[in-house]
Protein backbone atom coordinates (compact mmCIF):
# COMPACT_ATOMS: atom_id res chain seq x y z
CA UNK A 1 -8.74 -13.61 -307.11
CA UNK A 2 -5.04 -13.98 -306.88
CA UNK A 3 -5.68 -16.66 -304.14
CA UNK A 4 -7.78 -18.89 -306.45
CA UNK A 5 -6.17 -18.23 -309.85
CA UNK A 6 -7.34 -16.15 -312.71
CA UNK A 7 -9.44 -18.81 -314.54
CA UNK A 8 -11.52 -19.37 -311.51
CA UNK A 9 -11.52 -15.65 -310.62
CA UNK A 10 -12.93 -14.75 -314.03
CA UNK A 11 -15.85 -17.27 -313.67
CA UNK A 12 -16.50 -15.82 -310.13
CA UNK A 13 -16.47 -12.20 -311.49
CA UNK A 14 -19.05 -13.06 -314.22
CA UNK A 15 -21.08 -15.48 -312.27
CA UNK A 16 -21.63 -13.29 -309.21
CA UNK A 17 -22.03 -10.27 -311.39
CA UNK A 18 -24.98 -11.78 -313.17
CA UNK A 19 -26.31 -13.03 -309.98
CA UNK A 20 -26.39 -9.51 -308.42
CA UNK A 21 -27.74 -8.05 -311.62
CA UNK A 22 -30.67 -10.41 -311.42
CA UNK A 23 -31.19 -9.44 -307.80
CA UNK A 24 -31.04 -5.82 -308.52
CA UNK A 25 -33.69 -6.40 -311.32
CA UNK A 26 -35.87 -8.10 -308.84
CA UNK A 27 -35.76 -5.26 -306.40
CA UNK A 28 -36.29 -2.91 -309.37
CA UNK A 29 -39.46 -4.48 -310.16
CA UNK A 30 -40.66 -4.31 -306.55
CA UNK A 31 -39.77 -0.66 -306.52
CA UNK A 32 -41.33 0.17 -309.79
CA UNK A 33 -44.72 -1.44 -308.60
CA UNK A 34 -44.74 0.56 -305.34
CA UNK A 35 -44.09 3.90 -306.90
CA UNK A 36 -43.26 5.33 -303.54
CA UNK A 37 -40.14 6.56 -301.53
CA UNK A 38 -39.37 3.43 -299.60
CA UNK A 39 -36.24 1.60 -298.56
CA UNK A 40 -35.73 -2.08 -298.01
CA UNK A 41 -37.13 -2.11 -294.47
CA UNK A 42 -40.46 -0.65 -295.57
CA UNK A 43 -40.64 -3.24 -298.45
CA UNK A 44 -39.94 -6.00 -296.01
CA UNK A 45 -42.65 -4.64 -293.82
CA UNK A 46 -45.04 -4.50 -296.80
CA UNK A 47 -44.64 -8.06 -297.72
CA UNK A 48 -43.83 -9.93 -294.31
CA UNK A 49 -45.20 -7.56 -291.64
CA UNK A 50 -43.47 -6.85 -288.47
CA UNK A 51 -41.29 -9.91 -288.67
CA UNK A 52 -39.93 -9.05 -292.10
CA UNK A 53 -39.38 -5.47 -290.88
CA UNK A 54 -37.26 -6.71 -287.84
CA UNK A 55 -35.13 -9.09 -289.94
CA UNK A 56 -34.40 -6.54 -292.72
CA UNK A 57 -33.59 -3.89 -290.18
CA UNK A 58 -31.03 -5.95 -288.44
CA UNK A 59 -29.57 -7.02 -291.73
CA UNK A 60 -29.61 -3.80 -293.54
CA UNK A 61 -28.24 -1.60 -290.68
CA UNK A 62 -25.37 -4.03 -289.45
CA UNK A 63 -24.35 -4.45 -293.19
CA UNK A 64 -24.41 -0.76 -294.23
CA UNK A 65 -22.83 0.42 -290.98
CA UNK A 66 -20.16 -2.26 -291.66
CA UNK A 67 -19.71 -1.21 -295.19
CA UNK A 68 -19.22 2.32 -294.07
CA UNK A 69 -16.50 1.10 -291.63
CA UNK A 70 -14.77 -0.73 -294.51
CA UNK A 71 -14.67 2.40 -296.56
CA UNK A 72 -13.10 4.43 -293.72
CA UNK A 73 -10.34 1.81 -293.17
CA UNK A 74 -9.67 1.23 -296.85
CA UNK A 75 -9.54 4.95 -297.92
CA UNK A 76 -7.27 5.75 -294.94
CA UNK A 77 -4.81 3.14 -295.86
CA UNK A 78 -4.99 4.06 -299.56
CA UNK A 79 -4.51 7.64 -299.16
CA UNK A 80 -1.65 7.06 -296.49
CA UNK A 81 0.20 4.97 -298.95
CA UNK A 82 -0.17 7.39 -301.87
CA UNK A 83 0.25 10.64 -300.07
CA UNK A 84 1.88 9.93 -296.77
CA UNK A 85 0.70 10.49 -293.22
CA UNK A 86 -1.03 7.90 -291.03
CA UNK A 87 -3.91 5.82 -292.18
CA UNK A 88 -5.90 7.10 -289.15
CA UNK A 89 -5.39 10.73 -290.13
CA UNK A 90 -6.64 10.16 -293.73
CA UNK A 91 -9.50 7.94 -292.66
CA UNK A 92 -10.77 10.89 -290.55
CA UNK A 93 -10.26 13.51 -293.27
CA UNK A 94 -12.08 11.13 -295.82
CA UNK A 95 -15.14 10.75 -293.33
CA UNK A 96 -15.34 14.52 -292.72
CA UNK A 97 -15.69 15.07 -296.37
CA UNK A 98 -18.31 12.26 -296.86
CA UNK A 99 -20.18 13.43 -293.85
CA UNK A 100 -20.43 16.95 -295.33
CA UNK A 101 -21.83 15.45 -298.59
CA UNK A 102 -24.32 13.29 -296.95
CA UNK A 103 -25.51 16.45 -295.07
CA UNK A 104 -25.71 18.36 -298.34
CA UNK A 105 -28.37 15.77 -299.49
CA UNK A 106 -29.35 14.07 -302.54
CA UNK A 107 -29.29 16.71 -305.13
CA UNK A 108 -25.67 17.40 -304.34
CA UNK A 109 -24.77 13.80 -304.11
CA UNK A 110 -26.20 12.68 -307.47
CA UNK A 111 -24.13 15.42 -309.27
CA UNK A 112 -20.92 14.59 -307.50
CA UNK A 113 -21.76 10.91 -307.85
CA UNK A 114 -21.82 11.32 -311.59
CA UNK A 115 -18.43 12.91 -311.79
CA UNK A 116 -16.81 10.41 -309.25
CA UNK A 117 -18.15 7.51 -311.20
CA UNK A 118 -16.93 8.86 -314.48
CA UNK A 119 -13.65 9.47 -312.48
CA UNK A 120 -13.46 5.84 -311.35
CA UNK A 121 -13.81 4.69 -314.92
CA UNK A 122 -11.10 7.04 -316.09
CA UNK A 123 -8.80 5.99 -313.38
CA UNK A 124 -9.33 2.28 -314.09
CA UNK A 125 -8.43 3.03 -317.69
CA UNK A 126 -5.47 5.06 -316.57
CA UNK A 127 -4.18 2.22 -314.27
CA UNK A 128 -4.54 -0.37 -317.05
CA UNK A 129 -2.71 1.90 -319.61
CA UNK A 130 0.04 2.59 -317.15
CA UNK A 131 0.39 -0.76 -315.86
CA UNK A 132 0.37 -2.48 -319.29
CA UNK A 133 4.23 -2.45 -319.62
CA UNK A 134 4.55 -4.13 -316.19
CA UNK A 135 1.83 -6.86 -316.88
CA UNK A 136 3.27 -10.44 -317.06
CA UNK A 137 1.27 -13.39 -318.42
CA UNK A 138 3.29 -15.45 -315.93
CA UNK A 139 1.60 -13.76 -313.22
CA UNK A 140 -1.71 -14.99 -314.45
CA UNK A 141 -0.72 -18.52 -314.97
CA UNK A 142 1.69 -18.91 -311.95
CA UNK A 143 -1.32 -18.82 -309.57
CA UNK A 144 -2.16 -22.27 -307.91
CA UNK A 145 -5.77 -23.46 -307.64
CA UNK A 146 -5.82 -24.01 -303.84
CA UNK A 147 -9.11 -26.06 -302.72
CA UNK A 148 -8.85 -24.41 -299.26
CA UNK A 149 -9.30 -20.79 -300.72
CA UNK A 150 -11.64 -21.86 -303.57
CA UNK A 151 -14.68 -20.03 -302.04
CA UNK A 152 -12.67 -17.01 -300.59
CA UNK A 153 -13.85 -14.64 -303.47
CA UNK A 154 -17.62 -15.23 -302.76
CA UNK A 155 -18.06 -12.80 -299.75
CA UNK A 156 -15.62 -10.25 -301.22
CA UNK A 157 -17.04 -10.16 -304.76
CA UNK A 158 -20.67 -10.15 -303.29
CA UNK A 159 -19.67 -6.88 -301.41
CA UNK A 160 -18.18 -5.43 -304.59
CA UNK A 161 -21.16 -5.95 -306.56
CA UNK A 162 -23.74 -5.13 -304.00
CA UNK A 163 -25.79 -2.19 -304.81
CA UNK A 164 -29.50 -3.13 -303.95
CA UNK A 165 -29.75 -0.51 -301.43
CA UNK A 166 -29.07 1.97 -304.23
CA UNK A 167 -31.93 0.58 -306.32
CA UNK A 168 -34.73 2.47 -304.36
CA UNK A 169 -32.64 5.48 -304.34
CA UNK A 170 -32.27 5.39 -308.14
CA UNK A 171 -36.10 4.69 -308.47
CA UNK A 172 -36.74 8.10 -306.77
CA UNK A 173 -34.79 9.71 -309.73
CA UNK A 174 -36.64 7.70 -312.29
CA UNK A 175 -40.05 7.18 -310.81
CA UNK A 176 -42.70 6.29 -313.44
CA UNK A 177 -39.88 5.84 -315.98
CA UNK A 178 -39.71 2.09 -315.66
CA UNK A 179 -38.21 1.46 -319.07
CA UNK A 180 -35.22 3.81 -318.35
CA UNK A 181 -34.97 2.41 -314.82
CA UNK A 182 -34.46 -1.22 -316.03
CA UNK A 183 -32.03 -0.16 -318.69
CA UNK A 184 -30.06 1.64 -315.96
CA UNK A 185 -29.80 -1.37 -313.79
CA UNK A 186 -28.80 -3.65 -316.64
CA UNK A 187 -26.24 -0.98 -317.90
CA UNK A 188 -24.66 -0.61 -314.48
CA UNK A 189 -24.42 -4.39 -314.02
CA UNK A 190 -22.61 -4.82 -317.35
CA UNK A 191 -20.31 -1.78 -316.68
CA UNK A 192 -19.34 -3.17 -313.12
CA UNK A 193 -18.37 -6.65 -314.61
CA UNK A 194 -16.30 -5.05 -317.45
CA UNK A 195 -14.48 -2.69 -315.13
CA UNK A 196 -13.97 -5.26 -312.38
CA UNK A 197 -12.39 -7.78 -314.94
CA UNK A 198 -10.28 -5.15 -316.40
CA UNK A 199 -8.94 -4.11 -313.09
CA UNK A 200 -8.42 -7.64 -311.79
CA UNK A 201 -6.48 -8.72 -314.96
CA UNK A 202 -4.23 -5.59 -314.66
CA UNK A 203 -3.62 -5.76 -310.87
CA UNK A 204 -2.94 -9.67 -310.78
CA UNK A 205 -0.89 -9.30 -314.16
CA UNK A 206 1.50 -6.79 -312.52
CA UNK A 207 1.66 -8.11 -308.81
CA UNK A 208 0.66 -11.82 -309.20
CA UNK A 209 1.16 -13.67 -305.96
CA UNK A 210 2.19 -10.44 -304.14
CA UNK A 211 -1.21 -8.84 -304.75
CA UNK A 212 -2.11 -6.79 -301.54
CA UNK A 213 -5.38 -6.69 -299.79
CA UNK A 214 -5.99 -3.24 -301.11
CA UNK A 215 -4.95 -3.92 -304.52
CA UNK A 216 -3.74 -0.33 -305.47
CA UNK A 217 -1.27 -0.43 -302.60
CA UNK A 218 0.69 -3.33 -304.05
CA UNK A 219 0.28 -1.88 -307.65
CA UNK A 220 1.44 1.47 -306.49
CA UNK A 221 4.71 0.20 -305.60
CA UNK A 222 5.42 -0.86 -309.25
CA UNK A 223 3.31 1.77 -310.96
CA UNK A 224 3.75 5.19 -309.43
CA UNK A 225 0.74 6.87 -311.18
CA UNK A 226 -1.82 4.60 -309.46
CA UNK A 227 -4.73 6.66 -307.85
CA UNK A 228 -7.82 5.33 -306.30
CA UNK A 229 -11.00 6.86 -304.95
CA UNK A 230 -13.79 4.45 -305.87
CA UNK A 231 -14.60 3.93 -302.26
CA UNK A 232 -15.61 7.58 -302.05
CA UNK A 233 -18.44 7.29 -304.42
CA UNK A 234 -19.68 4.01 -302.77
CA UNK A 235 -19.53 5.39 -299.37
CA UNK A 236 -21.75 8.37 -300.44
CA UNK A 237 -24.64 6.13 -301.80
CA UNK A 238 -24.35 3.76 -298.71
CA UNK A 239 -24.65 6.75 -296.38
CA UNK A 240 -27.52 8.24 -298.31
CA UNK A 241 -29.41 4.88 -298.32
CA UNK A 242 -28.88 4.66 -294.44
CA UNK A 243 -30.07 8.16 -294.03
CA UNK A 244 -33.18 7.80 -296.20
CA UNK A 245 -34.03 4.46 -294.68
CA UNK A 246 -34.38 6.10 -291.36
CA UNK A 247 -36.42 8.83 -292.72
CA UNK A 248 -38.60 6.92 -295.04
CA UNK A 249 -38.99 3.69 -293.06
CA UNK A 250 -39.05 4.99 -289.50
CA UNK A 251 -40.03 8.73 -289.96
CA UNK A 252 -37.11 9.87 -288.05
CA UNK A 253 -36.33 13.67 -288.28
CA UNK A 254 -33.66 14.38 -291.01
CA UNK A 255 -31.11 15.63 -288.43
CA UNK A 256 -31.38 12.59 -286.34
CA UNK A 257 -30.93 10.13 -289.29
CA UNK A 258 -28.05 12.22 -290.61
CA UNK A 259 -26.40 12.45 -287.30
CA UNK A 260 -26.55 8.69 -286.84
CA UNK A 261 -25.13 7.97 -290.17
CA UNK A 262 -22.22 10.27 -289.49
CA UNK A 263 -21.56 9.16 -285.96
CA UNK A 264 -22.08 5.39 -285.75
CA UNK A 265 -19.56 4.18 -288.36
CA UNK A 266 -16.87 6.35 -287.05
CA UNK A 267 -17.32 5.29 -283.55
CA UNK A 268 -17.12 1.67 -284.70
CA UNK A 269 -13.86 2.59 -286.46
CA UNK A 270 -12.53 4.11 -283.30
CA UNK A 271 -13.23 0.95 -281.43
CA UNK A 272 -10.61 -0.80 -283.50
CA UNK A 273 -12.02 -2.85 -286.28
CA UNK A 274 -9.33 -2.35 -288.78
CA UNK A 275 -9.04 -5.60 -290.99
CA UNK A 276 -10.04 -4.75 -294.50
CA UNK A 277 -10.59 -8.06 -296.28
CA UNK A 278 -11.82 -9.89 -293.17
CA UNK A 279 -14.51 -7.30 -292.45
CA UNK A 280 -15.57 -7.38 -296.25
CA UNK A 281 -15.91 -11.14 -296.15
CA UNK A 282 -18.11 -11.22 -293.06
CA UNK A 283 -20.36 -8.32 -294.26
CA UNK A 284 -20.57 -9.72 -297.95
CA UNK A 285 -20.56 -13.35 -297.20
CA UNK A 286 -23.01 -13.38 -294.15
CA UNK A 287 -25.21 -10.35 -294.10
CA UNK A 288 -25.57 -9.56 -297.93
CA UNK A 289 -26.26 -13.13 -298.56
CA UNK A 290 -29.12 -13.32 -296.09
CA UNK A 291 -30.42 -9.93 -297.23
CA UNK A 292 -30.55 -11.26 -300.78
CA UNK A 293 -32.39 -14.38 -299.63
CA UNK A 294 -35.10 -12.07 -298.03
CA UNK A 295 -35.39 -10.05 -301.23
CA UNK A 296 -35.87 -13.23 -303.14
CA UNK A 297 -38.74 -14.10 -300.80
CA UNK A 298 -40.20 -10.58 -301.15
CA UNK A 299 -40.08 -10.95 -305.08
CA UNK A 300 -41.61 -14.39 -305.00
CA UNK A 301 -44.43 -13.09 -302.82
CA UNK A 302 -45.04 -10.19 -305.12
CA UNK A 303 -45.19 -12.30 -308.28
CA UNK A 304 -47.50 -14.74 -306.45
CA UNK A 305 -49.90 -12.05 -305.73
CA UNK A 306 -49.46 -10.58 -309.20
CA UNK A 307 -48.58 -7.23 -307.59
CA UNK A 308 -45.40 -6.53 -309.39
CA UNK A 309 -46.83 -7.53 -312.79
CA UNK A 310 -48.87 -4.28 -312.67
CA UNK A 311 -45.85 -2.32 -313.30
CA UNK A 312 -44.31 -1.69 -316.73
CA UNK A 313 -40.82 -2.88 -315.47
CA UNK A 314 -41.47 -6.31 -317.21
CA UNK A 315 -38.65 -8.46 -315.84
CA UNK A 316 -38.45 -12.02 -317.55
CA UNK A 317 -38.19 -14.67 -314.73
CA UNK A 318 -38.59 -18.36 -314.21
CA UNK A 319 -38.65 -20.16 -310.87
CA UNK A 320 -35.45 -22.07 -311.98
CA UNK A 321 -33.61 -18.82 -311.80
CA UNK A 322 -34.76 -18.05 -308.34
CA UNK A 323 -33.94 -21.48 -307.19
CA UNK A 324 -30.35 -21.18 -308.35
CA UNK A 325 -29.99 -17.75 -306.77
CA UNK A 326 -31.37 -19.14 -303.44
CA UNK A 327 -28.98 -21.92 -303.48
CA UNK A 328 -25.94 -19.73 -304.29
CA UNK A 329 -26.75 -17.09 -301.66
CA UNK A 330 -27.69 -19.76 -298.94
CA UNK A 331 -24.51 -21.85 -299.72
CA UNK A 332 -22.20 -18.83 -299.59
CA UNK A 333 -23.65 -17.68 -296.33
CA UNK A 334 -23.43 -21.20 -294.62
CA UNK A 335 -19.82 -21.50 -295.91
CA UNK A 336 -18.70 -18.14 -294.61
CA UNK A 337 -20.25 -18.71 -291.10
CA UNK A 338 -18.63 -22.19 -290.93
CA UNK A 339 -15.16 -20.78 -292.12
CA UNK A 340 -15.51 -18.19 -289.27
CA UNK A 341 -15.55 -20.63 -286.50
CA UNK A 342 -13.14 -23.26 -287.98
């Protein structure tokens, strides 16, 4: 956001936040109709057969393994800056802890996830309060709108808001409770938009043009009490989604799926992919956009066949909304791909 100006940045935050909330509601309606333990690959197989299964498998697994690598990179750099030691060491420590929790399973994770999520909210409020004396309105207004970077936030924010793989996981906890399930999706979307906006205003208000890739690193240079562990809770849900996809969609033994989730991201990390924002941009701008387009197609087919209408989820929807979403995701993915090769 510091690259495009706060005015454009806030529009991005709200616009993409609403876009992803709508996508999550669509996925929620599909899951509510099915009433089974399935992940995205099984849904794609259900509506588009073998071709849908292959496409979703490629998109989902490349994307989620990429997400895990991003969290390893980011947490290592953050903990290194805050505590000391090398980023590689802290990345390894972080991933060992996350792996242990993934092995423990859903019952353990949902309890820890609750406390980590509440902790994130508390930390954002703490950061905002501690940073308030250092916030300068000049930092918000001293940002130039550069047309060359106008679309830069797209892939990064799509990544930040992406939670569609968690929708089937949440459905297993709220199965046959469609009203509560729908409210949970809407509440989560609103909370994310509020927290992200507050955090962005605080960080850019303090660091302005000197905002760093991992925002808390630059902020920490000016506000010593900054802590950040949001990547931990996100990594847990991503790892759980990967493991359950292998179990539910491909009927792999639990130990095989767990081992794959633990081993593959760390091996990719060891191979040397260490650029934080660049990796986020590719994963969010390309793979998450294409996955979103496939989910739109699944939702459209479900509506056409009047399957999803049998659930009590009851999402209000018009074809115009789907068209706007399709154009946004398609345009964003094309832009990101073009920028990668120019």
